[in-house]
Amino acid sequence: GNSSSAIVGKKGRSLSRLAMTTGGLAQSSAWLYR
């Protein structure tokens, strides 16, 4: 799947960087991958 969206504003970032830098989201991404 996909989401062609991002976080905007002063702390703007891509969804992948959001996952890498937010507690619990990296684990969830790994869980989905598995």
PDB file of all heavy atoms in Angstrom:
ATOM      1  N   GLY A   1       0.813  -1.199   0.000  1.00  0.00           N
ATOM      2  CA  GLY A   1       0.000   0.000   0.000  1.00  0.00           C
ATOM      3  C   GLY A   1       0.847   1.249   0.000  1.00  0.00           C
ATOM      4  O   GLY A   1       2.067   1.200  -0.168  1.00  0.00           O
ATOM      5  N   ASN A   2       0.192   2.379   0.231  1.00  0.00           N
ATOM      6  CA  ASN A   2       0.898   3.657   0.191  1.00  0.00           C
ATOM      7  C   ASN A   2       0.089   4.733   0.883  1.00  0.00           C
ATOM      8  O   ASN A   2      -1.116   4.607   1.094  1.00  0.00           O
ATOM      9  CB  ASN A   2       1.165   4.075  -1.254  1.00  0.00           C
ATOM     10  CG  ASN A   2      -0.113   4.460  -1.984  1.00  0.00           C
ATOM     11  OD1 ASN A   2      -1.065   3.673  -2.066  1.00  0.00           O
ATOM     12  ND2 ASN A   2      -0.150   5.676  -2.506  1.00  0.00           N
ATOM     13  N   SER A   3       0.778   5.819   1.211  1.00  0.00           N
ATOM     14  CA  SER A   3       0.129   7.046   1.639  1.00  0.00           C
ATOM     15  C   SER A   3       0.981   8.190   1.135  1.00  0.00           C
ATOM     16  O   SER A   3       2.091   8.417   1.628  1.00  0.00           O
ATOM     17  CB  SER A   3      -0.011   7.115   3.168  1.00  0.00           C
ATOM     18  OG  SER A   3      -0.720   8.287   3.541  1.00  0.00           O
ATOM     19  N   SER A   4       0.479   8.888   0.121  1.00  0.00           N
ATOM     20  CA  SER A   4       1.218  10.009  -0.454  1.00  0.00           C
ATOM     21  C   SER A   4       0.881  11.252   0.359  1.00  0.00           C
ATOM     22  O   SER A   4       0.208  12.175  -0.107  1.00  0.00           O
ATOM     23  CB  SER A   4       0.833  10.191  -1.925  1.00  0.00           C
ATOM     24  OG  SER A   4       1.785  10.999  -2.592  1.00  0.00           O
ATOM     25  N   SER A   5       1.351  11.253   1.604  1.00  0.00           N
ATOM     26  CA  SER A   5       1.085  12.342   2.537  1.00  0.00           C
ATOM     27  C   SER A   5       2.310  12.513   3.424  1.00  0.00           C
ATOM     28  O   SER A   5       3.234  11.694   3.405  1.00  0.00           O
ATOM     29  CB  SER A   5      -0.162  12.036   3.381  1.00  0.00           C
ATOM     30  OG  SER A   5       0.006  10.835   4.110  1.00  0.00           O
ATOM     31  N   ALA A   6       2.323  13.593   4.203  1.00  0.00           N
ATOM     32  CA  ALA A   6       3.461  13.880   5.064  1.00  0.00           C
ATOM     33  C   ALA A   6       3.008  14.775   6.207  1.00  0.00           C
ATOM     34  O   ALA A   6       1.907  15.328   6.191  1.00  0.00           O
ATOM     35  CB  ALA A   6       4.581  14.553   4.275  1.00  0.00           C
ATOM     36  N   ILE A   7       3.861  14.920   7.204  1.00  0.00           N
ATOM     37  CA  ILE A   7       3.629  15.841   8.308  1.00  0.00           C
ATOM     38  C   ILE A   7       4.157  17.211   7.887  1.00  0.00           C
ATOM     39  O   ILE A   7       5.294  17.323   7.413  1.00  0.00           O
ATOM     40  CB  ILE A   7       4.346  15.366   9.588  1.00  0.00           C
ATOM     41  CG1 ILE A   7       3.927  13.922   9.940  1.00  0.00           C
ATOM     42  CG2 ILE A   7       4.038  16.306  10.740  1.00  0.00           C
ATOM     43  CD1 ILE A   7       2.452  13.745  10.161  1.00  0.00           C
ATOM     44  N   VAL A   8       3.357  18.261   8.042  1.00  0.00           N
ATOM     45  CA  VAL A   8       3.772  19.600   7.638  1.00  0.00           C
ATOM     46  C   VAL A   8       3.912  20.493   8.865  1.00  0.00           C
ATOM     47  O   VAL A   8       3.488  20.136   9.968  1.00  0.00           O
ATOM     48  CB  VAL A   8       2.757  20.216   6.643  1.00  0.00           C
ATOM     49  CG1 VAL A   8       2.693  19.383   5.380  1.00  0.00           C
ATOM     50  CG2 VAL A   8       1.362  20.303   7.270  1.00  0.00           C
ATOM     51  N   GLY A   9       4.518  21.674   8.685  1.00  0.00           N
ATOM     52  CA  GLY A   9       4.723  22.588   9.794  1.00  0.00           C
ATOM     53  C   GLY A   9       6.170  22.625  10.234  1.00  0.00           C
ATOM     54  O   GLY A   9       7.072  22.129   9.539  1.00  0.00           O
ATOM     55  N   LYS A  10       6.422  23.186  11.416  1.00  0.00           N
ATOM     56  CA  LYS A  10       7.796  23.319  11.908  1.00  0.00           C
ATOM     57  C   LYS A  10       8.479  21.974  12.101  1.00  0.00           C
ATOM     58  O   LYS A  10       9.693  21.859  11.965  1.00  0.00           O
ATOM     59  CB  LYS A  10       7.794  24.098  13.235  1.00  0.00           C
ATOM     60  CG  LYS A  10       7.406  25.569  13.090  1.00  0.00           C
ATOM     61  CD  LYS A  10       7.502  26.283  14.428  1.00  0.00           C
ATOM     62  CE  LYS A  10       7.152  27.766  14.271  1.00  0.00           C
ATOM     63  NZ  LYS A  10       7.239  28.490  15.566  1.00  0.00           N
ATOM     64  N   LYS A  11       7.703  20.963  12.461  1.00  0.00           N
ATOM     65  CA  LYS A  11       8.270  19.627  12.651  1.00  0.00           C
ATOM     66  C   LYS A  11       7.918  18.726  11.480  1.00  0.00           C
ATOM     67  O   LYS A  11       7.789  17.514  11.629  1.00  0.00           O
ATOM     68  CB  LYS A  11       7.776  19.022  13.961  1.00  0.00           C
ATOM     69  CG  LYS A  11       8.234  19.781  15.194  1.00  0.00           C
ATOM     70  CD  LYS A  11       7.809  19.085  16.471  1.00  0.00           C
ATOM     71  CE  LYS A  11       8.315  19.839  17.695  1.00  0.00           C
ATOM     72  NZ  LYS A  11       7.935  19.159  18.971  1.00  0.00           N
ATOM     73  N   GLY A  12       7.769  19.337  10.312  1.00  0.00           N
ATOM     74  CA  GLY A  12       7.402  18.578   9.124  1.00  0.00           C
ATOM     75  C   GLY A  12       8.415  17.493   8.787  1.00  0.00           C
ATOM     76  O   GLY A  12       9.616  17.670   8.967  1.00  0.00           O
ATOM     77  N   ARG A  13       7.901  16.395   8.302  1.00  0.00           N
ATOM     78  CA  ARG A  13       8.753  15.261   7.937  1.00  0.00           C
ATOM     79  C   ARG A  13       7.924  14.251   7.157  1.00  0.00           C
ATOM     80  O   ARG A  13       6.696  14.277   7.184  1.00  0.00           O
ATOM     81  CB  ARG A  13       9.357  14.596   9.174  1.00  0.00           C
ATOM     82  CG  ARG A  13       8.347  14.044  10.176  1.00  0.00           C
ATOM     83  CD  ARG A  13       8.995  13.779  11.521  1.00  0.00           C
ATOM     84  NE  ARG A  13       9.548  14.993  12.069  1.00  0.00           N
ATOM     85  CZ  ARG A  13      10.541  15.022  12.968  1.00  0.00           C
ATOM     86  NH1 ARG A  13      11.072  13.895  13.413  1.00  0.00           N
ATOM     87  NH2 ARG A  13      10.993  16.169  13.418  1.00  0.00           N
ATOM     88  N   SER A  14       8.615  13.363   6.487  1.00  0.00           N
ATOM     89  CA  SER A  14       7.919  12.289   5.773  1.00  0.00           C
ATOM     90  C   SER A  14       7.382  11.284   6.778  1.00  0.00           C
ATOM     91  O   SER A  14       7.795  11.244   7.943  1.00  0.00           O
ATOM     92  CB  SER A  14       8.881  11.598   4.805  1.00  0.00           C
ATOM     93  OG  SER A  14       9.900  10.913   5.517  1.00  0.00           O
ATOM     94  N   LEU A  15       6.467  10.458   6.323  1.00  0.00           N
ATOM     95  CA  LEU A  15       5.903   9.443   7.216  1.00  0.00           C
ATOM     96  C   LEU A  15       6.952   8.420   7.628  1.00  0.00           C
ATOM     97  O   LEU A  15       6.915   7.903   8.748  1.00  0.00           O
ATOM     98  CB  LEU A  15       4.716   8.751   6.539  1.00  0.00           C
ATOM     99  CG  LEU A  15       3.506   9.643   6.260  1.00  0.00           C
ATOM    100  CD1 LEU A  15       2.364   8.823   5.673  1.00  0.00           C
ATOM    101  CD2 LEU A  15       3.040  10.354   7.523  1.00  0.00           C
ATOM    102  N   SER A  16       7.902   8.143   6.752  1.00  0.00           N
ATOM    103  CA  SER A  16       8.957   7.194   7.117  1.00  0.00           C
ATOM    104  C   SER A  16       9.856   7.773   8.207  1.00  0.00           C
ATOM    105  O   SER A  16      10.228   7.072   9.158  1.00  0.00           O
ATOM    106  CB  SER A  16       9.787   6.830   5.892  1.00  0.00           C
ATOM    107  OG  SER A  16       9.072   5.975   5.035  1.00  0.00           O
ATOM    108  N   ARG A  17      10.204   9.055   8.093  1.00  0.00           N
ATOM    109  CA  ARG A  17      11.027   9.661   9.155  1.00  0.00           C
ATOM    110  C   ARG A  17      10.229   9.779  10.442  1.00  0.00           C
ATOM    111  O   ARG A  17      10.779   9.664  11.541  1.00  0.00           O
ATOM    112  CB  ARG A  17      11.567  11.021   8.722  1.00  0.00           C
ATOM    113  CG  ARG A  17      12.551  11.624   9.725  1.00  0.00           C
ATOM    114  CD  ARG A  17      13.512  12.596   9.061  1.00  0.00           C
ATOM    115  NE  ARG A  17      12.890  13.853   8.741  1.00  0.00           N
ATOM    116  CZ  ARG A  17      12.987  14.957   9.505  1.00  0.00           C
ATOM    117  NH1 ARG A  17      13.647  14.925  10.664  1.00  0.00           N
ATOM    118  NH2 ARG A  17      12.426  16.078   9.114  1.00  0.00           N
ATOM    119  N   LEU A  18       8.929  10.006  10.317  1.00  0.00           N
ATOM    120  CA  LEU A  18       8.076  10.004  11.511  1.00  0.00           C
ATOM    121  C   LEU A  18       8.164   8.664  12.223  1.00  0.00           C
ATOM    122  O   LEU A  18       8.292   8.602  13.454  1.00  0.00           O
ATOM    123  CB  LEU A  18       6.633  10.293  11.113  1.00  0.00           C
ATOM    124  CG  LEU A  18       5.586  10.221  12.235  1.00  0.00           C
ATOM    125  CD1 LEU A  18       5.786  11.363  13.222  1.00  0.00           C
ATOM    126  CD2 LEU A  18       4.169  10.242  11.653  1.00  0.00           C
ATOM    127  N   ALA A  19       8.096   7.585  11.447  1.00  0.00           N
ATOM    128  CA  ALA A  19       8.160   6.244  12.038  1.00  0.00           C
ATOM    129  C   ALA A  19       9.513   5.986  12.685  1.00  0.00           C
ATOM    130  O   ALA A  19       9.598   5.345  13.747  1.00  0.00           O
ATOM    131  CB  ALA A  19       7.883   5.194  10.974  1.00  0.00           C
ATOM    132  N   MET A  20      10.576   6.509  12.063  1.00  0.00           N
ATOM    133  CA  MET A  20      11.915   6.275  12.589  1.00  0.00           C
ATOM    134  C   MET A  20      12.198   7.059  13.861  1.00  0.00           C
ATOM    135  O   MET A  20      13.068   6.677  14.645  1.00  0.00           O
ATOM    136  CB  MET A  20      12.958   6.656  11.536  1.00  0.00           C
ATOM    137  CG  MET A  20      12.967   5.791  10.304  1.00  0.00           C
ATOM    138  SD  MET A  20      14.211   6.402   9.118  1.00  0.00           S
ATOM    139  CE  MET A  20      13.907   5.298   7.722  1.00  0.00           C
ATOM    140  N   THR A  21      11.479   8.154  14.073  1.00  0.00           N
ATOM    141  CA  THR A  21      11.819   9.078  15.164  1.00  0.00           C
ATOM    142  C   THR A  21      10.754   9.160  16.252  1.00  0.00           C
ATOM    143  O   THR A  21      10.856  10.007  17.139  1.00  0.00           O
ATOM    144  CB  THR A  21      12.053  10.489  14.589  1.00  0.00           C
ATOM    145  OG1 THR A  21      10.884  10.916  13.869  1.00  0.00           O
ATOM    146  CG2 THR A  21      13.250  10.504  13.653  1.00  0.00           C
ATOM    147  N   THR A  22       9.749   8.322  16.190  1.00  0.00           N
ATOM    148  CA  THR A  22       8.669   8.365  17.178  1.00  0.00           C
ATOM    149  C   THR A  22       8.579   7.019  17.888  1.00  0.00           C
ATOM    150  O   THR A  22       8.513   5.962  17.244  1.00  0.00           O
ATOM    151  CB  THR A  22       7.321   8.684  16.508  1.00  0.00           C
ATOM    152  OG1 THR A  22       7.441   9.905  15.762  1.00  0.00           O
ATOM    153  CG2 THR A  22       6.229   8.834  17.543  1.00  0.00           C
ATOM    154  N   GLY A  23       8.563   7.065  19.217  1.00  0.00           N
ATOM    155  CA  GLY A  23       8.530   5.838  20.000  1.00  0.00           C
ATOM    156  C   GLY A  23       7.370   4.925  19.642  1.00  0.00           C
ATOM    157  O   GLY A  23       6.229   5.379  19.586  1.00  0.00           O
ATOM    158  N   GLY A  24       7.669   3.677  19.410  1.00  0.00           N
ATOM    159  CA  GLY A  24       6.652   2.672  19.113  1.00  0.00           C
ATOM    160  C   GLY A  24       6.356   2.502  17.633  1.00  0.00           C
ATOM    161  O   GLY A  24       5.951   1.411  17.214  1.00  0.00           O
ATOM    162  N   LEU A  25       6.543   3.552  16.821  1.00  0.00           N
ATOM    163  CA  LEU A  25       6.193   3.449  15.403  1.00  0.00           C
ATOM    164  C   LEU A  25       7.200   2.604  14.623  1.00  0.00           C
ATOM    165  O   LEU A  25       6.823   1.928  13.665  1.00  0.00           O
ATOM    166  CB  LEU A  25       6.083   4.846  14.781  1.00  0.00           C
ATOM    167  CG  LEU A  25       4.968   5.729  15.341  1.00  0.00           C
ATOM    168  CD1 LEU A  25       4.888   7.031  14.552  1.00  0.00           C
ATOM    169  CD2 LEU A  25       3.628   5.010  15.310  1.00  0.00           C
ATOM    170  N   ALA A  26       8.454   2.637  15.031  1.00  0.00           N
ATOM    171  CA  ALA A  26       9.449   1.783  14.368  1.00  0.00           C
ATOM    172  C   ALA A  26       9.111   0.312  14.609  1.00  0.00           C
ATOM    173  O   ALA A  26       9.197  -0.514  13.691  1.00  0.00           O
ATOM    174  CB  ALA A  26      10.846   2.103  14.881  1.00  0.00           C
ATOM    175  N   GLN A  27       8.717  -0.001  15.830  1.00  0.00           N
ATOM    176  CA  GLN A  27       8.343  -1.381  16.152  1.00  0.00           C
ATOM    177  C   GLN A  27       7.110  -1.811  15.359  1.00  0.00           C
ATOM    178  O   GLN A  27       7.030  -2.958  14.904  1.00  0.00           O
ATOM    179  CB  GLN A  27       8.085  -1.509  17.659  1.00  0.00           C
ATOM    180  CG  GLN A  27       9.331  -1.388  18.524  1.00  0.00           C
ATOM    181  CD  GLN A  27       9.697   0.048  18.850  1.00  0.00           C
ATOM    182  OE1 GLN A  27       9.211   0.982  18.225  1.00  0.00           O
ATOM    183  NE2 GLN A  27      10.573   0.212  19.833  1.00  0.00           N
ATOM    184  N   SER A  28       6.151  -0.890  15.213  1.00  0.00           N
ATOM    185  CA  SER A  28       4.951  -1.220  14.444  1.00  0.00           C
ATOM    186  C   SER A  28       5.280  -1.451  12.975  1.00  0.00           C
ATOM    187  O   SER A  28       4.721  -2.349  12.338  1.00  0.00           O
ATOM    188  CB  SER A  28       3.919  -0.087  14.570  1.00  0.00           C
ATOM    189  OG  SER A  28       3.430   0.003  15.884  1.00  0.00           O
ATOM    190  N   SER A  29       6.194  -0.661  12.423  1.00  0.00           N
ATOM    191  CA  SER A  29       6.602  -0.848  11.030  1.00  0.00           C
ATOM    192  C   SER A  29       7.279  -2.199  10.844  1.00  0.00           C
ATOM    193  O   SER A  29       7.033  -2.897   9.857  1.00  0.00           O
ATOM    194  CB  SER A  29       7.547   0.286  10.598  1.00  0.00           C
ATOM    195  OG  SER A  29       6.881   1.536  10.593  1.00  0.00           O
ATOM    196  N   ALA A  30       8.114  -2.567  11.800  1.00  0.00           N
ATOM    197  CA  ALA A  30       8.781  -3.872  11.731  1.00  0.00           C
ATOM    198  C   ALA A  30       7.765  -5.003  11.872  1.00  0.00           C
ATOM    199  O   ALA A  30       7.867  -6.040  11.202  1.00  0.00           O
ATOM    200  CB  ALA A  30       9.841  -3.968  12.822  1.00  0.00           C
ATOM    201  N   TRP A  31       6.778  -4.806  12.732  1.00  0.00           N
ATOM    202  CA  TRP A  31       5.734  -5.812  12.937  1.00  0.00           C
ATOM    203  C   TRP A  31       4.951  -6.050  11.653  1.00  0.00           C
ATOM    204  O   TRP A  31       4.693  -7.196  11.273  1.00  0.00           O
ATOM    205  CB  TRP A  31       4.820  -5.329  14.061  1.00  0.00           C
ATOM    206  CG  TRP A  31       3.662  -6.225  14.380  1.00  0.00           C
ATOM    207  CD1 TRP A  31       3.705  -7.414  15.041  1.00  0.00           C
ATOM    208  CD2 TRP A  31       2.284  -5.994  14.062  1.00  0.00           C
ATOM    209  NE1 TRP A  31       2.435  -7.939  15.160  1.00  0.00           N
ATOM    210  CE2 TRP A  31       1.546  -7.088  14.567  1.00  0.00           C
ATOM    211  CE3 TRP A  31       1.606  -4.968  13.418  1.00  0.00           C
ATOM    212  CZ2 TRP A  31       0.167  -7.180  14.427  1.00  0.00           C
ATOM    213  CZ3 TRP A  31       0.226  -5.050  13.280  1.00  0.00           C
ATOM    214  CH2 TRP A  31      -0.484  -6.149  13.781  1.00  0.00           C
ATOM    215  N   LEU A  32       4.576  -4.970  10.970  1.00  0.00           N
ATOM    216  CA  LEU A  32       3.866  -5.116   9.702  1.00  0.00           C
ATOM    217  C   LEU A  32       4.730  -5.825   8.671  1.00  0.00           C
ATOM    218  O   LEU A  32       4.244  -6.678   7.920  1.00  0.00           O
ATOM    219  CB  LEU A  32       3.461  -3.739   9.164  1.00  0.00           C
ATOM    220  CG  LEU A  32       2.187  -3.104   9.686  1.00  0.00           C
ATOM    221  CD1 LEU A  32       1.889  -1.837   8.902  1.00  0.00           C
ATOM    222  CD2 LEU A  32       1.006  -4.059   9.585  1.00  0.00           C
ATOM    223  N   TYR A  33       5.997  -5.453   8.617  1.00  0.00           N
ATOM    224  CA  TYR A  33       6.917  -6.054   7.643  1.00  0.00           C
ATOM    225  C   TYR A  33       7.012  -7.562   7.857  1.00  0.00           C
ATOM    226  O   TYR A  33       7.010  -8.344   6.906  1.00  0.00           O
ATOM    227  CB  TYR A  33       8.279  -5.387   7.783  1.00  0.00           C
ATOM    228  CG  TYR A  33       9.309  -5.812   6.756  1.00  0.00           C
ATOM    229  CD1 TYR A  33       9.249  -5.337   5.450  1.00  0.00           C
ATOM    230  CD2 TYR A  33      10.361  -6.662   7.103  1.00  0.00           C
ATOM    231  CE1 TYR A  33      10.202  -5.703   4.515  1.00  0.00           C
ATOM    232  CE2 TYR A  33      11.315  -7.026   6.179  1.00  0.00           C
ATOM    233  CZ  TYR A  33      11.231  -6.547   4.886  1.00  0.00           C
ATOM    234  OH  TYR A  33      12.182  -6.918   3.963  1.00  0.00           O
ATOM    235  N   ARG A  34       7.064  -7.965   9.116  1.00  0.00           N
ATOM    236  CA  ARG A  34       7.128  -9.401   9.422  1.00  0.00           C
ATOM    237  C   ARG A  34       5.830 -10.109   9.037  1.00  0.00           C
ATOM    238  O   ARG A  34       5.826 -11.324   8.833  1.00  0.00           O
ATOM    239  CB  ARG A  34       7.417  -9.616  10.912  1.00  0.00           C
ATOM    240  CG  ARG A  34       8.815  -9.243  11.334  1.00  0.00           C
ATOM    241  CD  ARG A  34       9.155  -9.831  12.701  1.00  0.00           C
ATOM    242  NE  ARG A  34       8.248  -9.357  13.738  1.00  0.00           N
ATOM    243  CZ  ARG A  34       8.437  -8.264  14.466  1.00  0.00           C
ATOM    244  NH1 ARG A  34       9.514  -7.519  14.252  1.00  0.00           N
ATOM    245  NH2 ARG A  34       7.577  -7.919  15.398  1.00  0.00           N
TER     246      ARG A  34
END
